[in-house]
Amino acid sequence: TVYKNGTEVSMQPMEYDCLLLFWNYRNRVMTREQILNILWGVEFSG
């Protein structure tokens, strides 16, 4: 779950996973393709 100023913010599962990914690799540049590969799997062709 995610809260802003004490109020819960509704987030879709992929939004949450993307947010956590950014945190885990904060202050590092990630390409769109790298993010897709991590969140959807290396075979994702979208």
All heavy atoms as atom14 arrays in JSON, in Angstrom:
{
  "sequence": "TVYKNGTEVSMQPMEYDCLLLFWNYRNRVMTREQILNILWGVEFSG",
  "atom14_mask": [
    [1, 1, 1, 1, 1, 1, 1, 0, 0, 0, 0, 0, 0, 0],
    [1, 1, 1, 1, 1, 1, 1, 0, 0, 0, 0, 0, 0, 0],
    [1, 1, 1, 1, 1, 1, 1, 1, 1, 1, 1, 1, 0, 0],
    [1, 1, 1, 1, 1, 1, 1, 1, 1, 0, 0, 0, 0, 0],
    [1, 1, 1, 1, 1, 1, 1, 1, 0, 0, 0, 0, 0, 0],
    [1, 1, 1, 1, 0, 0, 0, 0, 0, 0, 0, 0, 0, 0],
    [1, 1, 1, 1, 1, 1, 1, 0, 0, 0, 0, 0, 0, 0],
    [1, 1, 1, 1, 1, 1, 1, 1, 1, 0, 0, 0, 0, 0],
    [1, 1, 1, 1, 1, 1, 1, 0, 0, 0, 0, 0, 0, 0],
    [1, 1, 1, 1, 1, 1, 0, 0, 0, 0, 0, 0, 0, 0],
    [1, 1, 1, 1, 1, 1, 1, 1, 0, 0, 0, 0, 0, 0],
    [1, 1, 1, 1, 1, 1, 1, 1, 1, 0, 0, 0, 0, 0],
    [1, 1, 1, 1, 1, 1, 1, 0, 0, 0, 0, 0, 0, 0],
    [1, 1, 1, 1, 1, 1, 1, 1, 0, 0, 0, 0, 0, 0],
    [1, 1, 1, 1, 1, 1, 1, 1, 1, 0, 0, 0, 0, 0],
    [1, 1, 1, 1, 1, 1, 1, 1, 1, 1, 1, 1, 0, 0],
    [1, 1, 1, 1, 1, 1, 1, 1, 0, 0, 0, 0, 0, 0],
    [1, 1, 1, 1, 1, 1, 0, 0, 0, 0, 0, 0, 0, 0],
    [1, 1, 1, 1, 1, 1, 1, 1, 0, 0, 0, 0, 0, 0],
    [1, 1, 1, 1, 1, 1, 1, 1, 0, 0, 0, 0, 0, 0],
    [1, 1, 1, 1, 1, 1, 1, 1, 0, 0, 0, 0, 0, 0],
    [1, 1, 1, 1, 1, 1, 1, 1, 1, 1, 1, 0, 0, 0],
    [1, 1, 1, 1, 1, 1, 1, 1, 1, 1, 1, 1, 1, 1],
    [1, 1, 1, 1, 1, 1, 1, 1, 0, 0, 0, 0, 0, 0],
    [1, 1, 1, 1, 1, 1, 1, 1, 1, 1, 1, 1, 0, 0],
    [1, 1, 1, 1, 1, 1, 1, 1, 1, 1, 1, 0, 0, 0],
    [1, 1, 1, 1, 1, 1, 1, 1, 0, 0, 0, 0, 0, 0],
    [1, 1, 1, 1, 1, 1, 1, 1, 1, 1, 1, 0, 0, 0],
    [1, 1, 1, 1, 1, 1, 1, 0, 0, 0, 0, 0, 0, 0],
    [1, 1, 1, 1, 1, 1, 1, 1, 0, 0, 0, 0, 0, 0],
    [1, 1, 1, 1, 1, 1, 1, 0, 0, 0, 0, 0, 0, 0],
    [1, 1, 1, 1, 1, 1, 1, 1, 1, 1, 1, 0, 0, 0],
    [1, 1, 1, 1, 1, 1, 1, 1, 1, 0, 0, 0, 0, 0],
    [1, 1, 1, 1, 1, 1, 1, 1, 1, 0, 0, 0, 0, 0],
    [1, 1, 1, 1, 1, 1, 1, 1, 0, 0, 0, 0, 0, 0],
    [1, 1, 1, 1, 1, 1, 1, 1, 0, 0, 0, 0, 0, 0],
    [1, 1, 1, 1, 1, 1, 1, 1, 0, 0, 0, 0, 0, 0],
    [1, 1, 1, 1, 1, 1, 1, 1, 0, 0, 0, 0, 0, 0],
    [1, 1, 1, 1, 1, 1, 1, 1, 0, 0, 0, 0, 0, 0],
    [1, 1, 1, 1, 1, 1, 1, 1, 1, 1, 1, 1, 1, 1],
    [1, 1, 1, 1, 0, 0, 0, 0, 0, 0, 0, 0, 0, 0],
    [1, 1, 1, 1, 1, 1, 1, 0, 0, 0, 0, 0, 0, 0],
    [1, 1, 1, 1, 1, 1, 1, 1, 1, 0, 0, 0, 0, 0],
    [1, 1, 1, 1, 1, 1, 1, 1, 1, 1, 1, 0, 0, 0],
    [1, 1, 1, 1, 1, 1, 0, 0, 0, 0, 0, 0, 0, 0],
    [1, 1, 1, 1, 0, 0, 0, 0, 0, 0, 0, 0, 0, 0]
  ],
  "atom14_positions": [
    [[0.84, -1.19, 0.0], [0.0, 0.0, 0.0], [0.88, 1.25, 0.0], [2.03, 1.21, 0.44], [-0.94, 0.04, 1.22], [-0.14, -0.08, 2.42], [-1.94, -1.09, 1.16], [0.0, 0.0, 0.0], [0.0, 0.0, 0.0], [0.0, 0.0, 0.0], [0.0, 0.0, 0.0], [0.0, 0.0, 0.0], [0.0, 0.0, 0.0], [0.0, 0.0, 0.0]],
    [[0.3, 2.36, -0.48], [1.03, 3.62, -0.58], [0.17, 4.72, 0.02], [-1.03, 4.83, -0.27], [1.36, 3.96, -2.05], [2.11, 5.29, -2.15], [2.18, 2.84, -2.69], [0.0, 0.0, 0.0], [0.0, 0.0, 0.0], [0.0, 0.0, 0.0], [0.0, 0.0, 0.0], [0.0, 0.0, 0.0], [0.0, 0.0, 0.0], [0.0, 0.0, 0.0]],
    [[0.79, 5.53, 0.88], [0.08, 6.65, 1.52], [0.8, 7.96, 1.21], [2.03, 8.01, 1.17], [0.05, 6.46, 3.04], [-0.92, 5.4, 3.5], [-0.58, 4.05, 3.41], [-2.17, 5.73, 4.02], [-1.47, 3.06, 3.82], [-3.07, 4.76, 4.43], [-2.71, 3.43, 4.33], [-3.59, 2.44, 4.74], [0.0, 0.0, 0.0], [0.0, 0.0, 0.0]],
    [[0.01, 9.0, 0.98], [0.53, 10.34, 0.79], [-0.15, 11.27, 1.79], [-1.38, 11.35, 1.83], [0.28, 10.83, -0.64], [0.84, 12.24, -0.91], [0.62, 12.62, -2.36], [1.1, 14.04, -2.62], [2.57, 14.2, -2.39], [0.0, 0.0, 0.0], [0.0, 0.0, 0.0], [0.0, 0.0, 0.0], [0.0, 0.0, 0.0], [0.0, 0.0, 0.0]],
    [[0.65, 11.91, 2.63], [0.12, 12.77, 3.7], [-0.9, 12.03, 4.56], [-1.92, 12.59, 5.0], [-0.52, 14.03, 3.11], [0.52, 15.0, 2.58], [1.58, 15.16, 3.17], [0.21, 15.64, 1.45], [0.0, 0.0, 0.0], [0.0, 0.0, 0.0], [0.0, 0.0, 0.0], [0.0, 0.0, 0.0], [0.0, 0.0, 0.0], [0.0, 0.0, 0.0]],
    [[-0.66, 10.74, 4.79], [-1.53, 9.96, 5.66], [-2.76, 9.38, 5.0], [-3.53, 8.66, 5.63], [0.0, 0.0, 0.0], [0.0, 0.0, 0.0], [0.0, 0.0, 0.0], [0.0, 0.0, 0.0], [0.0, 0.0, 0.0], [0.0, 0.0, 0.0], [0.0, 0.0, 0.0], [0.0, 0.0, 0.0], [0.0, 0.0, 0.0], [0.0, 0.0, 0.0]],
    [[-2.97, 9.67, 3.72], [-4.14, 9.17, 2.99], [-3.7, 8.13, 1.98], [-2.76, 8.36, 1.21], [-4.86, 10.32, 2.26], [-5.27, 11.3, 3.21], [-6.1, 9.79, 1.53], [0.0, 0.0, 0.0], [0.0, 0.0, 0.0], [0.0, 0.0, 0.0], [0.0, 0.0, 0.0], [0.0, 0.0, 0.0], [0.0, 0.0, 0.0], [0.0, 0.0, 0.0]],
    [[-4.39, 6.99, 1.98], [-4.02, 5.92, 1.06], [-4.28, 6.34, -0.39], [-5.32, 6.92, -0.71], [-4.77, 4.63, 1.37], [-4.32, 3.45, 0.5], [-4.91, 2.13, 0.92], [-5.67, 2.09, 1.91], [-4.61, 1.12, 0.25], [0.0, 0.0, 0.0], [0.0, 0.0, 0.0], [0.0, 0.0, 0.0], [0.0, 0.0, 0.0], [0.0, 0.0, 0.0]],
    [[-3.32, 6.03, -1.25], [-3.43, 6.32, -2.67], [-3.69, 5.01, -3.41], [-2.94, 4.04, -3.24], [-2.14, 6.97, -3.21], [-2.26, 7.23, -4.72], [-1.85, 8.26, -2.46], [0.0, 0.0, 0.0], [0.0, 0.0, 0.0], [0.0, 0.0, 0.0], [0.0, 0.0, 0.0], [0.0, 0.0, 0.0], [0.0, 0.0, 0.0], [0.0, 0.0, 0.0]],
    [[-4.75, 4.98, -4.19], [-5.08, 3.77, -4.96], [-4.1, 3.62, -6.11], [-3.95, 4.52, -6.94], [-6.51, 3.87, -5.5], [-6.8, 2.74, -6.32], [0.0, 0.0, 0.0], [0.0, 0.0, 0.0], [0.0, 0.0, 0.0], [0.0, 0.0, 0.0], [0.0, 0.0, 0.0], [0.0, 0.0, 0.0], [0.0, 0.0, 0.0], [0.0, 0.0, 0.0]],
    [[-3.43, 2.45, -6.15], [-2.46, 2.2, -7.22], [-2.69, 0.82, -7.82], [-2.95, -0.15, -7.1], [-1.03, 2.31, -6.68], [-0.71, 3.64, -6.03], [1.06, 3.94, -5.84], [1.56, 4.19, -7.54], [0.0, 0.0, 0.0], [0.0, 0.0, 0.0], [0.0, 0.0, 0.0], [0.0, 0.0, 0.0], [0.0, 0.0, 0.0], [0.0, 0.0, 0.0]],
    [[-2.59, 0.76, -9.14], [-2.68, -0.51, -9.82], [-1.43, -1.35, -9.51], [-0.37, -0.79, -9.21], [-2.8, -0.3, -11.34], [-4.04, 0.45, -11.75], [-5.31, -0.29, -11.4], [-5.38, -1.52, -11.53], [-6.3, 0.44, -10.92], [0.0, 0.0, 0.0], [0.0, 0.0, 0.0], [0.0, 0.0, 0.0], [0.0, 0.0, 0.0], [0.0, 0.0, 0.0]],
    [[-1.54, -2.68, -9.55], [-0.38, -3.53, -9.22], [0.88, -3.17, -10.0], [1.97, -3.13, -9.43], [-0.88, -4.94, -9.56], [-2.36, -4.87, -9.37], [-2.75, -3.5, -9.81], [0.0, 0.0, 0.0], [0.0, 0.0, 0.0], [0.0, 0.0, 0.0], [0.0, 0.0, 0.0], [0.0, 0.0, 0.0], [0.0, 0.0, 0.0], [0.0, 0.0, 0.0]],
    [[0.74, -2.91, -11.31], [1.93, -2.6, -12.09], [2.48, -1.22, -11.73], [3.7, -1.0, -11.8], [1.62, -2.68, -13.59], [2.87, -2.72, -14.45], [4.02, -4.07, -14.03], [3.05, -5.5, -14.49], [0.0, 0.0, 0.0], [0.0, 0.0, 0.0], [0.0, 0.0, 0.0], [0.0, 0.0, 0.0], [0.0, 0.0, 0.0], [0.0, 0.0, 0.0]],
    [[1.63, -0.29, -11.36], [2.1, 1.02, -10.91], [2.92, 0.86, -9.62], [3.98, 1.48, -9.48], [0.92, 1.96, -10.68], [0.18, 2.35, -11.94], [-1.11, 3.09, -11.67], [-1.44, 3.31, -10.49], [-1.8, 3.43, -12.65], [0.0, 0.0, 0.0], [0.0, 0.0, 0.0], [0.0, 0.0, 0.0], [0.0, 0.0, 0.0], [0.0, 0.0, 0.0]],
    [[2.41, 0.03, -8.71], [3.13, -0.2, -7.45], [4.48, -0.86, -7.73], [5.51, -0.44, -7.19], [2.31, -1.09, -6.51], [3.05, -1.47, -5.25], [3.0, -0.66, -4.12], [3.83, -2.62, -5.19], [3.7, -0.98, -2.97], [4.54, -2.96, -4.05], [4.46, -2.13, -2.94], [5.17, -2.45, -1.81], [0.0, 0.0, 0.0], [0.0, 0.0, 0.0]],
    [[4.5, -1.88, -8.59], [5.75, -2.57, -8.9], [6.74, -1.62, -9.57], [7.95, -1.69, -9.29], [5.47, -3.76, -9.82], [4.75, -4.9, -9.1], [4.8, -4.93, -7.85], [4.13, -5.73, -9.78], [0.0, 0.0, 0.0], [0.0, 0.0, 0.0], [0.0, 0.0, 0.0], [0.0, 0.0, 0.0], [0.0, 0.0, 0.0], [0.0, 0.0, 0.0]],
    [[6.24, -0.76, -10.43], [7.1, 0.21, -11.1], [7.68, 1.2, -10.1], [8.87, 1.53, -10.15], [6.31, 0.93, -12.19], [7.33, 1.96, -13.28], [0.0, 0.0, 0.0], [0.0, 0.0, 0.0], [0.0, 0.0, 0.0], [0.0, 0.0, 0.0], [0.0, 0.0, 0.0], [0.0, 0.0, 0.0], [0.0, 0.0, 0.0], [0.0, 0.0, 0.0]],
    [[6.86, 1.66, -9.17], [7.31, 2.58, -8.13], [8.4, 1.94, -7.28], [9.44, 2.55, -6.99], [6.14, 3.0, -7.25], [6.46, 3.85, -6.01], [7.06, 5.19, -6.41], [5.19, 4.04, -5.17], [0.0, 0.0, 0.0], [0.0, 0.0, 0.0], [0.0, 0.0, 0.0], [0.0, 0.0, 0.0], [0.0, 0.0, 0.0], [0.0, 0.0, 0.0]],
    [[8.19, 0.68, -6.89], [9.17, -0.02, -6.06], [10.47, -0.26, -6.84], [11.56, -0.19, -6.27], [8.59, -1.35, -5.57], [9.17, -1.91, -4.26], [8.97, -0.93, -3.12], [8.54, -3.25, -3.93], [0.0, 0.0, 0.0], [0.0, 0.0, 0.0], [0.0, 0.0, 0.0], [0.0, 0.0, 0.0], [0.0, 0.0, 0.0], [0.0, 0.0, 0.0]],
    [[10.34, -0.52, -8.13], [11.52, -0.69, -8.97], [12.35, 0.59, -9.0], [13.58, 0.55, -8.85], [11.11, -1.08, -10.39], [12.25, -1.21, -11.41], [13.17, -2.36, -11.04], [11.68, -1.42, -12.8], [0.0, 0.0, 0.0], [0.0, 0.0, 0.0], [0.0, 0.0, 0.0], [0.0, 0.0, 0.0], [0.0, 0.0, 0.0], [0.0, 0.0, 0.0]],
    [[11.69, 1.72, -9.17], [12.4, 3.0, -9.16], [13.13, 3.21, -7.83], [14.26, 3.7, -7.79], [11.45, 4.17, -9.42], [11.12, 4.38, -10.87], [9.8, 4.42, -11.29], [12.11, 4.54, -11.8], [9.49, 4.62, -12.62], [11.82, 4.73, -13.14], [10.5, 4.77, -13.56], [0.0, 0.0, 0.0], [0.0, 0.0, 0.0], [0.0, 0.0, 0.0]],
    [[12.45, 2.84, -6.73], [13.09, 3.0, -5.42], [14.31, 2.1, -5.27], [15.36, 2.53, -4.8], [12.09, 2.72, -4.3], [12.75, 2.59, -2.95], [13.04, 1.45, -2.27], [13.27, 3.67, -2.16], [13.69, 1.75, -1.1], [13.84, 3.1, -1.0], [13.28, 5.06, -2.31], [14.42, 3.87, 0.0], [13.87, 5.82, -1.31], [14.43, 5.23, -0.17]],
    [[14.16, 0.85, -5.66], [15.27, -0.1, -5.52], [16.49, 0.33, -6.33], [17.63, 0.01, -5.97], [14.83, -1.5, -5.94], [13.91, -2.15, -4.93], [13.95, -1.82, -3.75], [13.06, -3.06, -5.39], [0.0, 0.0, 0.0], [0.0, 0.0, 0.0], [0.0, 0.0, 0.0], [0.0, 0.0, 0.0], [0.0, 0.0, 0.0], [0.0, 0.0, 0.0]],
    [[16.26, 1.04, -7.43], [17.36, 1.47, -8.29], [17.36, 2.99, -8.43], [17.62, 3.54, -9.49], [17.28, 0.75, -9.64], [17.57, -0.71, -9.43], [16.54, -1.59, -9.1], [18.87, -1.17, -9.4], [16.8, -2.91, -8.81], [19.14, -2.49, -9.11], [18.11, -3.35, -8.81], [18.38, -4.65, -8.5], [0.0, 0.0, 0.0], [0.0, 0.0, 0.0]],
    [[17.08, 3.65, -7.29], [17.03, 5.1, -7.24], [18.38, 5.71, -7.62], [19.43, 5.13, -7.37], [16.62, 5.56, -5.83], [17.49, 5.01, -4.71], [16.76, 5.13, -3.38], [17.52, 4.56, -2.27], [17.51, 3.26, -1.95], [16.81, 2.4, -2.69], [18.19, 2.82, -0.91], [0.0, 0.0, 0.0], [0.0, 0.0, 0.0], [0.0, 0.0, 0.0]],
    [[18.26, 6.88, -8.21], [19.43, 7.66, -8.66], [20.21, 6.97, -9.78], [21.35, 7.34, -10.06], [20.36, 7.98, -7.48], [19.67, 8.81, -6.4], [18.92, 9.75, -6.71], [19.89, 8.47, -5.14], [0.0, 0.0, 0.0], [0.0, 0.0, 0.0], [0.0, 0.0, 0.0], [0.0, 0.0, 0.0], [0.0, 0.0, 0.0], [0.0, 0.0, 0.0]],
    [[19.6, 5.97, -10.41], [20.2, 5.34, -11.58], [19.27, 5.5, -12.76], [18.04, 5.45, -12.62], [20.44, 3.85, -11.36], [21.3, 3.5, -10.17], [21.5, 2.01, -10.09], [21.97, 1.6, -8.78], [22.13, 0.35, -8.39], [21.86, -0.63, -9.24], [22.57, 0.05, -7.18], [0.0, 0.0, 0.0], [0.0, 0.0, 0.0], [0.0, 0.0, 0.0]],
    [[19.83, 5.69, -13.93], [19.02, 5.81, -15.14], [18.62, 4.41, -15.62], [19.45, 3.51, -15.69], [19.8, 6.54, -16.25], [18.97, 6.59, -17.54], [20.17, 7.94, -15.8], [0.0, 0.0, 0.0], [0.0, 0.0, 0.0], [0.0, 0.0, 0.0], [0.0, 0.0, 0.0], [0.0, 0.0, 0.0], [0.0, 0.0, 0.0], [0.0, 0.0, 0.0]],
    [[17.32, 4.25, -15.94], [16.83, 3.0, -16.5], [16.12, 3.31, -17.82], [15.33, 4.24, -17.9], [15.85, 2.31, -15.54], [16.5, 1.76, -14.3], [15.34, 0.77, -13.3], [14.25, 2.06, -12.72], [0.0, 0.0, 0.0], [0.0, 0.0, 0.0], [0.0, 0.0, 0.0], [0.0, 0.0, 0.0], [0.0, 0.0, 0.0], [0.0, 0.0, 0.0]],
    [[16.4, 2.52, -18.84], [15.71, 2.69, -20.1], [14.31, 2.1, -20.01], [14.01, 1.27, -19.13], [16.46, 2.01, -21.26], [16.41, 0.58, -21.07], [17.91, 2.45, -21.3], [0.0, 0.0, 0.0], [0.0, 0.0, 0.0], [0.0, 0.0, 0.0], [0.0, 0.0, 0.0], [0.0, 0.0, 0.0], [0.0, 0.0, 0.0], [0.0, 0.0, 0.0]],
    [[13.44, 2.51, -20.93], [12.09, 1.94, -20.97], [12.15, 0.42, -21.19], [11.37, -0.33, -20.6], [11.27, 2.6, -22.08], [10.95, 4.07, -21.83], [10.21, 4.68, -23.01], [9.85, 6.06, -22.74], [10.66, 7.09, -22.95], [11.88, 6.89, -23.43], [10.24, 8.33, -22.7], [0.0, 0.0, 0.0], [0.0, 0.0, 0.0], [0.0, 0.0, 0.0]],
    [[13.06, -0.01, -22.05], [13.17, -1.44, -22.34], [13.61, -2.23, -21.11], [13.11, -3.34, -20.85], [14.16, -1.67, -23.5], [13.66, -1.2, -24.86], [13.64, 0.32, -25.01], [14.35, 1.0, -24.22], [12.93, 0.81, -25.89], [0.0, 0.0, 0.0], [0.0, 0.0, 0.0], [0.0, 0.0, 0.0], [0.0, 0.0, 0.0], [0.0, 0.0, 0.0]],
    [[14.53, -1.68, -20.34], [14.96, -2.36, -19.12], [13.8, -2.48, -18.13], [13.62, -3.53, -17.5], [16.11, -1.58, -18.48], [17.43, -1.71, -19.21], [18.49, -0.78, -18.66], [18.19, 0.3, -18.14], [19.74, -1.18, -18.76], [0.0, 0.0, 0.0], [0.0, 0.0, 0.0], [0.0, 0.0, 0.0], [0.0, 0.0, 0.0], [0.0, 0.0, 0.0]],
    [[13.03, -1.43, -17.98], [11.89, -1.46, -17.06], [10.88, -2.5, -17.51], [10.37, -3.29, -16.7], [11.24, -0.06, -16.96], [12.23, 0.93, -16.34], [9.96, -0.12, -16.14], [11.8, 2.38, -16.44], [0.0, 0.0, 0.0], [0.0, 0.0, 0.0], [0.0, 0.0, 0.0], [0.0, 0.0, 0.0], [0.0, 0.0, 0.0], [0.0, 0.0, 0.0]],
    [[10.6, -2.53, -18.81], [9.66, -3.52, -19.35], [10.16, -4.94, -19.1], [9.41, -5.82, -18.67], [9.45, -3.3, -20.85], [8.51, -2.18, -21.27], [8.61, -1.95, -22.76], [7.07, -2.51, -20.88], [0.0, 0.0, 0.0], [0.0, 0.0, 0.0], [0.0, 0.0, 0.0], [0.0, 0.0, 0.0], [0.0, 0.0, 0.0], [0.0, 0.0, 0.0]],
    [[11.44, -5.16, -19.37], [11.99, -6.5, -19.21], [11.91, -6.97, -17.77], [11.65, -8.15, -17.5], [13.44, -6.53, -19.68], [13.57, -6.44, -21.19], [12.6, -6.66, -21.91], [14.75, -6.1, -21.67], [0.0, 0.0, 0.0], [0.0, 0.0, 0.0], [0.0, 0.0, 0.0], [0.0, 0.0, 0.0], [0.0, 0.0, 0.0], [0.0, 0.0, 0.0]],
    [[12.13, -6.07, -16.83], [12.1, -6.45, -15.42], [10.67, -6.7, -14.95], [10.39, -7.69, -14.26], [12.77, -5.37, -14.56], [14.26, -5.29, -14.87], [12.56, -5.64, -13.07], [14.94, -4.07, -14.32], [0.0, 0.0, 0.0], [0.0, 0.0, 0.0], [0.0, 0.0, 0.0], [0.0, 0.0, 0.0], [0.0, 0.0, 0.0], [0.0, 0.0, 0.0]],
    [[9.75, -5.83, -15.33], [8.38, -5.93, -14.83], [7.55, -6.97, -15.56], [6.7, -7.62, -14.96], [7.69, -4.57, -14.93], [8.27, -3.44, -14.05], [7.47, -2.17, -14.24], [8.28, -3.85, -12.59], [0.0, 0.0, 0.0], [0.0, 0.0, 0.0], [0.0, 0.0, 0.0], [0.0, 0.0, 0.0], [0.0, 0.0, 0.0], [0.0, 0.0, 0.0]],
    [[7.79, -7.14, -16.87], [6.98, -8.06, -17.64], [7.71, -9.33, -18.03], [7.11, -10.3, -18.46], [6.47, -7.39, -18.92], [5.24, -6.58, -18.74], [3.94, -7.02, -18.83], [5.15, -5.18, -18.43], [3.08, -5.97, -18.6], [3.78, -4.84, -18.36], [6.1, -4.2, -18.21], [3.35, -3.55, -18.07], [5.68, -2.92, -17.93], [4.32, -2.6, -17.86]],
    [[9.02, -9.32, -17.9], [9.8, -10.48, -18.31], [10.57, -10.19, -19.58], [10.19, -9.38, -20.4], [0.0, 0.0, 0.0], [0.0, 0.0, 0.0], [0.0, 0.0, 0.0], [0.0, 0.0, 0.0], [0.0, 0.0, 0.0], [0.0, 0.0, 0.0], [0.0, 0.0, 0.0], [0.0, 0.0, 0.0], [0.0, 0.0, 0.0], [0.0, 0.0, 0.0]],
    [[11.68, -10.9, -19.75], [12.6, -10.6, -20.84], [11.99, -10.88, -22.21], [12.48, -10.37, -23.21], [13.9, -11.42, -20.7], [14.67, -10.98, -19.47], [13.62, -12.91, -20.62], [0.0, 0.0, 0.0], [0.0, 0.0, 0.0], [0.0, 0.0, 0.0], [0.0, 0.0, 0.0], [0.0, 0.0, 0.0], [0.0, 0.0, 0.0], [0.0, 0.0, 0.0]],
    [[10.93, -11.66, -22.29], [10.35, -11.98, -23.59], [9.25, -11.02, -23.98], [8.63, -11.16, -25.02], [9.78, -13.42, -23.57], [10.82, -14.48, -23.26], [11.94, -14.5, -24.27], [11.69, -14.2, -25.46], [13.08, -14.78, -23.88], [0.0, 0.0, 0.0], [0.0, 0.0, 0.0], [0.0, 0.0, 0.0], [0.0, 0.0, 0.0], [0.0, 0.0, 0.0]],
    [[8.96, -10.0, -23.13], [7.89, -9.07, -23.44], [8.23, -8.29, -24.7], [9.3, -7.73, -24.84], [7.67, -8.09, -22.29], [6.52, -7.15, -22.51], [5.23, -7.56, -22.26], [6.74, -5.86, -23.0], [4.17, -6.7, -22.47], [5.69, -5.01, -23.22], [4.39, -5.42, -22.95], [0.0, 0.0, 0.0], [0.0, 0.0, 0.0], [0.0, 0.0, 0.0]],
    [[7.3, -8.25, -25.65], [7.55, -7.61, -26.94], [6.6, -6.45, -27.18], [6.38, -6.04, -28.32], [7.42, -8.63, -28.08], [6.14, -9.23, -28.06], [0.0, 0.0, 0.0], [0.0, 0.0, 0.0], [0.0, 0.0, 0.0], [0.0, 0.0, 0.0], [0.0, 0.0, 0.0], [0.0, 0.0, 0.0], [0.0, 0.0, 0.0], [0.0, 0.0, 0.0]],
    [[6.0, -5.9, -26.12], [5.04, -4.82, -26.27], [5.7, -3.48, -26.54], [6.92, -3.36, -26.58], [0.0, 0.0, 0.0], [0.0, 0.0, 0.0], [0.0, 0.0, 0.0], [0.0, 0.0, 0.0], [0.0, 0.0, 0.0], [0.0, 0.0, 0.0], [0.0, 0.0, 0.0], [0.0, 0.0, 0.0], [0.0, 0.0, 0.0], [0.0, 0.0, 0.0]]
  ]
}
